[in-house]
Amino acid sequence: MRIGKVIGNIWATRKEEKLSGLKLLIIQPVNVVTDELDRAPLVAADIIGAGIGEMVIFVSGSSARGAVGDMQTPVDATVVGIVDDLEIDKSLI
């Protein structure tokens, strides 16, 4: 699991049939230790109703496909949680 910030939405009128009904978001992965951007933004399926500006937990690979309920759905990332708060003891890093 990784943490990122929702920075946008994507709408696609033509897409793979198995993506029908899935909301697609643009996620900017974040390094929570340094509060810096971590990698390029990515597209993720949203199964929980996250919105722009929210910090989210997302999974990738087979975990992303499992989260949407069908291992044949062509997704690389899926939002599985909205972060309410986080606390990091930086002295342990």
PDB file of N, CA and C in Angstrom:
ATOM      1  N   MET A   1       0.841  -1.176   0.000  1.00  0.00           N
ATOM      2  CA  MET A   1       0.000   0.000   0.000  1.00  0.00           C
ATOM      3  C   MET A   1       0.883   1.236   0.000  1.00  0.00           C
ATOM      4  N   ARG A   2       0.368   2.274  -0.636  1.00  0.00           N
ATOM      5  CA  ARG A   2       1.094   3.539  -0.737  1.00  0.00           C
ATOM      6  C   ARG A   2       0.136   4.672  -0.405  1.00  0.00           C
ATOM      7  N   ILE A   3       0.694   5.850  -0.192  1.00  0.00           N
ATOM      8  CA  ILE A   3      -0.120   7.025   0.100  1.00  0.00           C
ATOM      9  C   ILE A   3       0.084   8.041  -1.019  1.00  0.00           C
ATOM     10  N   GLY A   4      -1.008   8.690  -1.395  1.00  0.00           N
ATOM     11  CA  GLY A   4      -0.936   9.708  -2.435  1.00  0.00           C
ATOM     12  C   GLY A   4      -2.026  10.736  -2.240  1.00  0.00           C
ATOM     13  N   LYS A   5      -1.976  11.778  -3.058  1.00  0.00           N
ATOM     14  CA  LYS A   5      -2.972  12.834  -3.016  1.00  0.00           C
ATOM     15  C   LYS A   5      -3.732  12.836  -4.328  1.00  0.00           C
ATOM     16  N   VAL A   6      -5.060  12.941  -4.227  1.00  0.00           N
ATOM     17  CA  VAL A   6      -5.887  13.001  -5.428  1.00  0.00           C
ATOM     18  C   VAL A   6      -5.727  14.396  -6.028  1.00  0.00           C
ATOM     19  N   ILE A   7      -5.250  14.448  -7.273  1.00  0.00           N
ATOM     20  CA  ILE A   7      -5.026  15.738  -7.921  1.00  0.00           C
ATOM     21  C   ILE A   7      -5.933  15.950  -9.128  1.00  0.00           C
ATOM     22  N   GLY A   8      -6.759  14.975  -9.455  1.00  0.00           N
ATOM     23  CA  GLY A   8      -7.642  15.164 -10.597  1.00  0.00           C
ATOM     24  C   GLY A   8      -8.537  13.969 -10.875  1.00  0.00           C
ATOM     25  N   ASN A   9      -9.459  14.177 -11.786  1.00  0.00           N
ATOM     26  CA  ASN A   9     -10.374  13.147 -12.269  1.00  0.00           C
ATOM     27  C   ASN A   9     -10.080  12.880 -13.735  1.00  0.00           C
ATOM     28  N   ILE A  10     -10.475  11.706 -14.194  1.00  0.00           N
ATOM     29  CA  ILE A  10     -10.393  11.376 -15.619  1.00  0.00           C
ATOM     30  C   ILE A  10     -11.755  10.848 -16.048  1.00  0.00           C
ATOM     31  N   TRP A  11     -12.224  11.353 -17.178  1.00  0.00           N
ATOM     32  CA  TRP A  11     -13.455  10.836 -17.757  1.00  0.00           C
ATOM     33  C   TRP A  11     -13.099  10.240 -19.110  1.00  0.00           C
ATOM     34  N   ALA A  12     -13.594   9.048 -19.379  1.00  0.00           N
ATOM     35  CA  ALA A  12     -13.343   8.383 -20.656  1.00  0.00           C
ATOM     36  C   ALA A  12     -14.644   7.766 -21.136  1.00  0.00           C
ATOM     37  N   THR A  13     -15.172   8.286 -22.224  1.00  0.00           N
ATOM     38  CA  THR A  13     -16.435   7.746 -22.729  1.00  0.00           C
ATOM     39  C   THR A  13     -16.221   6.405 -23.419  1.00  0.00           C
ATOM     40  N   ARG A  14     -15.054   6.209 -24.001  1.00  0.00           N
ATOM     41  CA  ARG A  14     -14.725   4.924 -24.623  1.00  0.00           C
ATOM     42  C   ARG A  14     -13.619   4.281 -23.812  1.00  0.00           C
ATOM     43  N   LYS A  15     -13.898   3.097 -23.311  1.00  0.00           N
ATOM     44  CA  LYS A  15     -12.904   2.380 -22.503  1.00  0.00           C
ATOM     45  C   LYS A  15     -13.231   0.900 -22.489  1.00  0.00           C
ATOM     46  N   GLU A  16     -12.305   0.110 -22.002  1.00  0.00           N
ATOM     47  CA  GLU A  16     -12.501  -1.329 -21.831  1.00  0.00           C
ATOM     48  C   GLU A  16     -13.797  -1.553 -21.054  1.00  0.00           C
ATOM     49  N   GLU A  17     -14.579  -2.501 -21.499  1.00  0.00           N
ATOM     50  CA  GLU A  17     -15.888  -2.782 -20.905  1.00  0.00           C
ATOM     51  C   GLU A  17     -15.811  -3.023 -19.394  1.00  0.00           C
ATOM     52  N   LYS A  18     -14.761  -3.688 -18.931  1.00  0.00           N
ATOM     53  CA  LYS A  18     -14.646  -3.995 -17.499  1.00  0.00           C
ATOM     54  C   LYS A  18     -14.375  -2.753 -16.650  1.00  0.00           C
ATOM     55  N   LEU A  19     -14.036  -1.633 -17.284  1.00  0.00           N
ATOM     56  CA  LEU A  19     -13.840  -0.384 -16.554  1.00  0.00           C
ATOM     57  C   LEU A  19     -15.129   0.415 -16.396  1.00  0.00           C
ATOM     58  N   SER A  20     -16.189  -0.017 -17.060  1.00  0.00           N
ATOM     59  CA  SER A  20     -17.473   0.679 -16.960  1.00  0.00           C
ATOM     60  C   SER A  20     -17.932   0.717 -15.509  1.00  0.00           C
ATOM     61  N   GLY A  21     -18.346   1.890 -15.081  1.00  0.00           N
ATOM     62  CA  GLY A  21     -18.831   2.055 -13.717  1.00  0.00           C
ATOM     63  C   GLY A  21     -17.745   2.414 -12.711  1.00  0.00           C
ATOM     64  N   LEU A  22     -16.478   2.344 -13.117  1.00  0.00           N
ATOM     65  CA  LEU A  22     -15.388   2.705 -12.208  1.00  0.00           C
ATOM     66  C   LEU A  22     -15.030   4.175 -12.375  1.00  0.00           C
ATOM     67  N   LYS A  23     -14.938   4.895 -11.269  1.00  0.00           N
ATOM     68  CA  LYS A  23     -14.464   6.270 -11.274  1.00  0.00           C
ATOM     69  C   LYS A  23     -12.940   6.224 -11.356  1.00  0.00           C
ATOM     70  N   LEU A  24     -12.359   7.076 -12.189  1.00  0.00           N
ATOM     71  CA  LEU A  24     -10.910   7.099 -12.367  1.00  0.00           C
ATOM     72  C   LEU A  24     -10.347   8.415 -11.840  1.00  0.00           C
ATOM     73  N   LEU A  25      -9.304   8.320 -11.035  1.00  0.00           N
ATOM     74  CA  LEU A  25      -8.682   9.484 -10.423  1.00  0.00           C
ATOM     75  C   LEU A  25      -7.214   9.577 -10.820  1.00  0.00           C
ATOM     76  N   ILE A  26      -6.665  10.784 -10.774  1.00  0.00           N
ATOM     77  CA  ILE A  26      -5.226  10.981 -10.935  1.00  0.00           C
ATOM     78  C   ILE A  26      -4.649  11.140  -9.538  1.00  0.00           C
ATOM     79  N   ILE A  27      -3.697  10.273  -9.206  1.00  0.00           N
ATOM     80  CA  ILE A  27      -3.095  10.238  -7.879  1.00  0.00           C
ATOM     81  C   ILE A  27      -1.624  10.637  -7.978  1.00  0.00           C
ATOM     82  N   GLN A  28      -1.208  11.550  -7.096  1.00  0.00           N
ATOM     83  CA  GLN A  28       0.203  11.911  -6.985  1.00  0.00           C
ATOM     84  C   GLN A  28       0.773  11.193  -5.771  1.00  0.00           C
ATOM     85  N   PRO A  29       1.599  10.154  -5.982  1.00  0.00           N
ATOM     86  CA  PRO A  29       2.209   9.479  -4.837  1.00  0.00           C
ATOM     87  C   PRO A  29       3.037  10.466  -4.010  1.00  0.00           C
ATOM     88  N   VAL A  30       3.001  10.280  -2.684  1.00  0.00           N
ATOM     89  CA  VAL A  30       3.690  11.181  -1.764  1.00  0.00           C
ATOM     90  C   VAL A  30       4.580  10.361  -0.836  1.00  0.00           C
ATOM     91  N   ASN A  31       5.793  10.860  -0.594  1.00  0.00           N
ATOM     92  CA  ASN A  31       6.670  10.272   0.412  1.00  0.00           C
ATOM     93  C   ASN A  31       6.290  10.926   1.733  1.00  0.00           C
ATOM     94  N   VAL A  32       5.610  10.203   2.617  1.00  0.00           N
ATOM     95  CA  VAL A  32       5.098  10.798   3.850  1.00  0.00           C
ATOM     96  C   VAL A  32       6.200  11.149   4.844  1.00  0.00           C
ATOM     97  N   VAL A  33       7.372  10.588   4.678  1.00  0.00           N
ATOM     98  CA  VAL A  33       8.490  10.905   5.578  1.00  0.00           C
ATOM     99  C   VAL A  33       9.044  12.288   5.260  1.00  0.00           C
ATOM    100  N   THR A  34       9.202  12.585   3.965  1.00  0.00           N
ATOM    101  CA  THR A  34       9.793  13.864   3.554  1.00  0.00           C
ATOM    102  C   THR A  34       8.746  14.875   3.091  1.00  0.00           C
ATOM    103  N   ASP A  35       7.494  14.459   2.963  1.00  0.00           N
ATOM    104  CA  ASP A  35       6.408  15.301   2.436  1.00  0.00           C
ATOM    105  C   ASP A  35       6.684  15.768   1.010  1.00  0.00           C
ATOM    106  N   GLU A  36       7.488  15.007   0.281  1.00  0.00           N
ATOM    107  CA  GLU A  36       7.799  15.348  -1.096  1.00  0.00           C
ATOM    108  C   GLU A  36       7.048  14.435  -2.051  1.00  0.00           C
ATOM    109  N   LEU A  37       6.902  14.905  -3.294  1.00  0.00           N
ATOM    110  CA  LEU A  37       6.284  14.082  -4.323  1.00  0.00           C
ATOM    111  C   LEU A  37       7.166  12.883  -4.583  1.00  0.00           C
ATOM    112  N   ASP A  38       6.537  11.758  -4.847  1.00  0.00           N
ATOM    113  CA  ASP A  38       7.258  10.512  -5.040  1.00  0.00           C
ATOM    114  C   ASP A  38       6.805   9.884  -6.346  1.00  0.00           C
ATOM    115  N   ARG A  39       7.577  10.036  -7.389  1.00  0.00           N
ATOM    116  CA  ARG A  39       7.269   9.497  -8.717  1.00  0.00           C
ATOM    117  C   ARG A  39       6.267  10.362  -9.471  1.00  0.00           C
ATOM    118  N   ALA A  40       5.961   9.924 -10.668  1.00  0.00           N
ATOM    119  CA  ALA A  40       4.999  10.618 -11.523  1.00  0.00           C
ATOM    120  C   ALA A  40       3.571  10.277 -11.095  1.00  0.00           C
ATOM    121  N   PRO A  41       2.612  11.158 -11.383  1.00  0.00           N
ATOM    122  CA  PRO A  41       1.210  10.846 -11.086  1.00  0.00           C
ATOM    123  C   PRO A  41       0.759   9.599 -11.843  1.00  0.00           C
ATOM    124  N   LEU A  42      -0.274   8.955 -11.326  1.00  0.00           N
ATOM    125  CA  LEU A  42      -0.799   7.752 -11.954  1.00  0.00           C
ATOM    126  C   LEU A  42      -2.321   7.769 -11.933  1.00  0.00           C
ATOM    127  N   VAL A  43      -2.913   6.924 -12.741  1.00  0.00           N
ATOM    128  CA  VAL A  43      -4.371   6.781 -12.786  1.00  0.00           C
ATOM    129  C   VAL A  43      -4.752   5.604 -11.907  1.00  0.00           C
ATOM    130  N   ALA A  44      -5.778   5.810 -11.064  1.00  0.00           N
ATOM    131  CA  ALA A  44      -6.242   4.747 -10.172  1.00  0.00           C
ATOM    132  C   ALA A  44      -7.756   4.652 -10.218  1.00  0.00           C
ATOM    133  N   ALA A  45      -8.258   3.446 -10.125  1.00  0.00           N
ATOM    134  CA  ALA A  45      -9.697   3.231  -9.981  1.00  0.00           C
ATOM    135  C   ALA A  45     -10.068   3.607  -8.547  1.00  0.00           C
ATOM    136  N   ASP A  46     -11.224   4.226  -8.389  1.00  0.00           N
ATOM    137  CA  ASP A  46     -11.686   4.645  -7.063  1.00  0.00           C
ATOM    138  C   ASP A  46     -12.925   3.854  -6.696  1.00  0.00           C
ATOM    139  N   ILE A  47     -12.828   3.026  -5.661  1.00  0.00           N
ATOM    140  CA  ILE A  47     -13.969   2.206  -5.241  1.00  0.00           C
ATOM    141  C   ILE A  47     -14.596   2.708  -3.944  1.00  0.00           C
ATOM    142  N   ILE A  48     -14.079   3.842  -3.413  1.00  0.00           N
ATOM    143  CA  ILE A  48     -14.581   4.313  -2.118  1.00  0.00           C
ATOM    144  C   ILE A  48     -15.133   5.732  -2.140  1.00  0.00           C
ATOM    145  N   GLY A  49     -15.002   6.448  -3.246  1.00  0.00           N
ATOM    146  CA  GLY A  49     -15.567   7.789  -3.337  1.00  0.00           C
ATOM    147  C   GLY A  49     -14.651   8.906  -2.871  1.00  0.00           C
ATOM    148  N   ALA A  50     -13.363   8.810  -3.158  1.00  0.00           N
ATOM    149  CA  ALA A  50     -12.416   9.868  -2.791  1.00  0.00           C
ATOM    150  C   ALA A  50     -12.597  11.067  -3.716  1.00  0.00           C
ATOM    151  N   GLY A  51     -12.112  12.225  -3.259  1.00  0.00           N
ATOM    152  CA  GLY A  51     -12.239  13.438  -4.062  1.00  0.00           C
ATOM    153  C   GLY A  51     -10.929  14.189  -4.174  1.00  0.00           C
ATOM    154  N   ILE A  52     -10.918  15.172  -5.039  1.00  0.00           N
ATOM    155  CA  ILE A  52      -9.728  15.984  -5.270  1.00  0.00           C
ATOM    156  C   ILE A  52      -9.287  16.637  -3.964  1.00  0.00           C
ATOM    157  N   GLY A  53      -7.975  16.583  -3.719  1.00  0.00           N
ATOM    158  CA  GLY A  53      -7.391  17.188  -2.530  1.00  0.00           C
ATOM    159  C   GLY A  53      -7.246  16.236  -1.357  1.00  0.00           C
ATOM    160  N   GLU A  54      -7.868  15.064  -1.427  1.00  0.00           N
ATOM    161  CA  GLU A  54      -7.783  14.126  -0.306  1.00  0.00           C
ATOM    162  C   GLU A  54      -6.529  13.259  -0.404  1.00  0.00           C
ATOM    163  N   MET A  55      -5.965  12.947   0.762  1.00  0.00           N
ATOM    164  CA  MET A  55      -4.882  11.976   0.852  1.00  0.00           C
ATOM    165  C   MET A  55      -5.534  10.602   0.887  1.00  0.00           C
ATOM    166  N   VAL A  56      -4.992   9.674   0.107  1.00  0.00           N
ATOM    167  CA  VAL A  56      -5.602   8.353  -0.006  1.00  0.00           C
ATOM    168  C   VAL A  56      -4.556   7.253   0.129  1.00  0.00           C
ATOM    169  N   ILE A  57      -5.045   6.065   0.430  1.00  0.00           N
ATOM    170  CA  ILE A  57      -4.232   4.854   0.409  1.00  0.00           C
ATOM    171  C   ILE A  57      -4.587   4.130  -0.887  1.00  0.00           C
ATOM    172  N   PHE A  58      -3.561   3.741  -1.644  1.00  0.00           N
ATOM    173  CA  PHE A  58      -3.843   3.000  -2.868  1.00  0.00           C
ATOM    174  C   PHE A  58      -2.945   1.776  -2.949  1.00  0.00           C
ATOM    175  N   VAL A  59      -3.440   0.790  -3.672  1.00  0.00           N
ATOM    176  CA  VAL A  59      -2.693  -0.443  -3.889  1.00  0.00           C
ATOM    177  C   VAL A  59      -2.450  -0.595  -5.382  1.00  0.00           C
ATOM    178  N   SER A  60      -1.480  -1.425  -5.733  1.00  0.00           N
ATOM    179  CA  SER A  60      -1.169  -1.617  -7.148  1.00  0.00           C
ATOM    180  C   SER A  60      -1.041  -3.103  -7.467  1.00  0.00           C
ATOM    181  N   GLY A  61      -0.924  -3.388  -8.747  1.00  0.00           N
ATOM    182  CA  GLY A  61      -0.750  -4.769  -9.194  1.00  0.00           C
ATOM    183  C   GLY A  61      -1.960  -5.642  -8.933  1.00  0.00           C
ATOM    184  N   SER A  62      -1.700  -6.884  -8.558  1.00  0.00           N
ATOM    185  CA  SER A  62      -2.809  -7.830  -8.337  1.00  0.00           C
ATOM    186  C   SER A  62      -3.700  -7.393  -7.182  1.00  0.00           C
ATOM    187  N   SER A  63      -3.152  -6.676  -6.218  1.00  0.00           N
ATOM    188  CA  SER A  63      -3.980  -6.151  -5.118  1.00  0.00           C
ATOM    189  C   SER A  63      -5.000  -5.154  -5.648  1.00  0.00           C
ATOM    190  N   ALA A  64      -4.615  -4.361  -6.648  1.00  0.00           N
ATOM    191  CA  ALA A  64      -5.538  -3.392  -7.244  1.00  0.00           C
ATOM    192  C   ALA A  64      -6.677  -4.107  -7.969  1.00  0.00           C
ATOM    193  N   ARG A  65      -6.344  -5.158  -8.687  1.00  0.00           N
ATOM    194  CA  ARG A  65      -7.388  -5.919  -9.395  1.00  0.00           C
ATOM    195  C   ARG A  65      -8.293  -6.636  -8.400  1.00  0.00           C
ATOM    196  N   GLY A  66      -7.711  -7.189  -7.352  1.00  0.00           N
ATOM    197  CA  GLY A  66      -8.512  -7.856  -6.333  1.00  0.00           C
ATOM    198  C   GLY A  66      -9.447  -6.892  -5.624  1.00  0.00           C
ATOM    199  N   ALA A  67      -9.002  -5.660  -5.416  1.00  0.00           N
ATOM    200  CA  ALA A  67      -9.820  -4.674  -4.718  1.00  0.00           C
ATOM    201  C   ALA A  67     -11.074  -4.309  -5.504  1.00  0.00           C
ATOM    202  N   VAL A  68     -10.983  -4.315  -6.840  1.00  0.00           N
ATOM    203  CA  VAL A  68     -12.170  -4.010  -7.637  1.00  0.00           C
ATOM    204  C   VAL A  68     -13.072  -5.225  -7.803  1.00  0.00           C
ATOM    205  N   GLY A  69     -12.611  -6.368  -7.337  1.00  0.00           N
ATOM    206  CA  GLY A  69     -13.466  -7.556  -7.308  1.00  0.00           C
ATOM    207  C   GLY A  69     -13.369  -8.475  -8.505  1.00  0.00           C
ATOM    208  N   ASP A  70     -12.461  -8.203  -9.418  1.00  0.00           N
ATOM    209  CA  ASP A  70     -12.333  -9.046 -10.604  1.00  0.00           C
ATOM    210  C   ASP A  70     -10.883  -9.011 -11.059  1.00  0.00           C
ATOM    211  N   MET A  71     -10.211 -10.124 -10.967  1.00  0.00           N
ATOM    212  CA  MET A  71      -8.796 -10.172 -11.322  1.00  0.00           C
ATOM    213  C   MET A  71      -8.555  -9.925 -12.817  1.00  0.00           C
ATOM    214  N   GLN A  72      -9.610  -9.893 -13.620  1.00  0.00           N
ATOM    215  CA  GLN A  72      -9.477  -9.644 -15.052  1.00  0.00           C
ATOM    216  C   GLN A  72      -9.679  -8.170 -15.409  1.00  0.00           C
ATOM    217  N   THR A  73     -10.000  -7.321 -14.427  1.00  0.00           N
ATOM    218  CA  THR A  73     -10.188  -5.899 -14.695  1.00  0.00           C
ATOM    219  C   THR A  73      -8.823  -5.241 -14.911  1.00  0.00           C
ATOM    220  N   PRO A  74      -8.660  -4.508 -16.008  1.00  0.00           N
ATOM    221  CA  PRO A  74      -7.344  -3.950 -16.338  1.00  0.00           C
ATOM    222  C   PRO A  74      -7.017  -2.662 -15.572  1.00  0.00           C
ATOM    223  N   VAL A  75      -6.732  -2.794 -14.285  1.00  0.00           N
ATOM    224  CA  VAL A  75      -6.310  -1.643 -13.485  1.00  0.00           C
ATOM    225  C   VAL A  75      -4.932  -1.917 -12.893  1.00  0.00           C
ATOM    226  N   ASP A  76      -4.131  -0.865 -12.789  1.00  0.00           N
ATOM    227  CA  ASP A  76      -2.804  -0.964 -12.183  1.00  0.00           C
ATOM    228  C   ASP A  76      -2.801  -0.441 -10.758  1.00  0.00           C
ATOM    229  N   ALA A  77      -3.790   0.402 -10.417  1.00  0.00           N
ATOM    230  CA  ALA A  77      -3.858   0.985  -9.079  1.00  0.00           C
ATOM    231  C   ALA A  77      -5.327   1.189  -8.701  1.00  0.00           C
ATOM    232  N   THR A  78      -5.625   1.010  -7.409  1.00  0.00           N
ATOM    233  CA  THR A  78      -6.981   1.210  -6.893  1.00  0.00           C
ATOM    234  C   THR A  78      -6.898   1.920  -5.551  1.00  0.00           C
ATOM    235  N   VAL A  79      -7.739   2.948  -5.382  1.00  0.00           N
ATOM    236  CA  VAL A  79      -7.836   3.657  -4.109  1.00  0.00           C
ATOM    237  C   VAL A  79      -8.672   2.796  -3.162  1.00  0.00           C
ATOM    238  N   VAL A  80      -8.096   2.495  -1.984  1.00  0.00           N
ATOM    239  CA  VAL A  80      -8.785   1.621  -1.026  1.00  0.00           C
ATOM    240  C   VAL A  80      -9.054   2.289   0.315  1.00  0.00           C
ATOM    241  N   GLY A  81      -8.604   3.527   0.507  1.00  0.00           N
ATOM    242  CA  GLY A  81      -8.850   4.214   1.769  1.00  0.00           C
ATOM    243  C   GLY A  81      -8.590   5.702   1.650  1.00  0.00           C
ATOM    244  N   ILE A  82      -9.271   6.466   2.513  1.00  0.00           N
ATOM    245  CA  ILE A  82      -9.043   7.906   2.620  1.00  0.00           C
ATOM    246  C   ILE A  82      -8.356   8.149   3.958  1.00  0.00           C
ATOM    247  N   VAL A  83      -7.232   8.854   3.922  1.00  0.00           N
ATOM    248  CA  VAL A  83      -6.446   9.102   5.132  1.00  0.00           C
ATOM    249  C   VAL A  83      -7.091  10.247   5.926  1.00  0.00           C
ATOM    250  N   ASP A  84      -7.474   9.964   7.173  1.00  0.00           N
ATOM    251  CA  ASP A  84      -7.997  11.012   8.048  1.00  0.00           C
ATOM    252  C   ASP A  84      -6.858  11.782   8.701  1.00  0.00           C
ATOM    253  N   ASP A  85      -5.834  11.062   9.112  1.00  0.00           N
ATOM    254  CA  ASP A  85      -4.687  11.656   9.797  1.00  0.00           C
ATOM    255  C   ASP A  85      -3.560  10.645   9.765  1.00  0.00           C
ATOM    256  N   LEU A  86      -2.345  11.104   9.956  1.00  0.00           N
ATOM    257  CA  LEU A  86      -1.227  10.185  10.093  1.00  0.00           C
ATOM    258  C   LEU A  86      -0.205  10.797  11.047  1.00  0.00           C
ATOM    259  N   GLU A  87       0.527   9.926  11.683  1.00  0.00           N
ATOM    260  CA  GLU A  87       1.550  10.362  12.626  1.00  0.00           C
ATOM    261  C   GLU A  87       2.796   9.528  12.384  1.00  0.00           C
ATOM    262  N   ILE A  88       3.919  10.207  12.220  1.00  0.00           N
ATOM    263  CA  ILE A  88       5.182   9.513  11.988  1.00  0.00           C
ATOM    264  C   ILE A  88       6.184  10.004  13.024  1.00  0.00           C
ATOM    265  N   ASP A  89       6.801   9.070  13.710  1.00  0.00           N
ATOM    266  CA  ASP A  89       7.861   9.406  14.643  1.00  0.00           C
ATOM    267  C   ASP A  89       9.161   9.421  13.862  1.00  0.00           C
ATOM    268  N   LYS A  90       9.572  10.594  13.391  1.00  0.00           N
ATOM    269  CA  LYS A  90      10.755  10.714  12.534  1.00  0.00           C
ATOM    270  C   LYS A  90      12.046  10.337  13.243  1.00  0.00           C
ATOM    271  N   SER A  91      12.024  10.236  14.571  1.00  0.00           N
ATOM    272  CA  SER A  91      13.227   9.815  15.275  1.00  0.00           C
ATOM    273  C   SER A  91      13.511   8.330  15.060  1.00  0.00           C
ATOM    274  N   LEU A  92      12.534   7.593  14.551  1.00  0.00           N
ATOM    275  CA  LEU A  92      12.702   6.164  14.305  1.00  0.00           C
ATOM    276  C   LEU A  92      13.202   5.875  12.901  1.00  0.00           C
ATOM    277  N   ILE A  93      13.348   6.903  12.108  1.00  0.00           N
ATOM    278  CA  ILE A  93      13.756   6.725  10.707  1.00  0.00           C
ATOM    279  C   ILE A  93      15.256   6.898  10.588  1.00  0.00           C
TER     280      ILE A  93
END
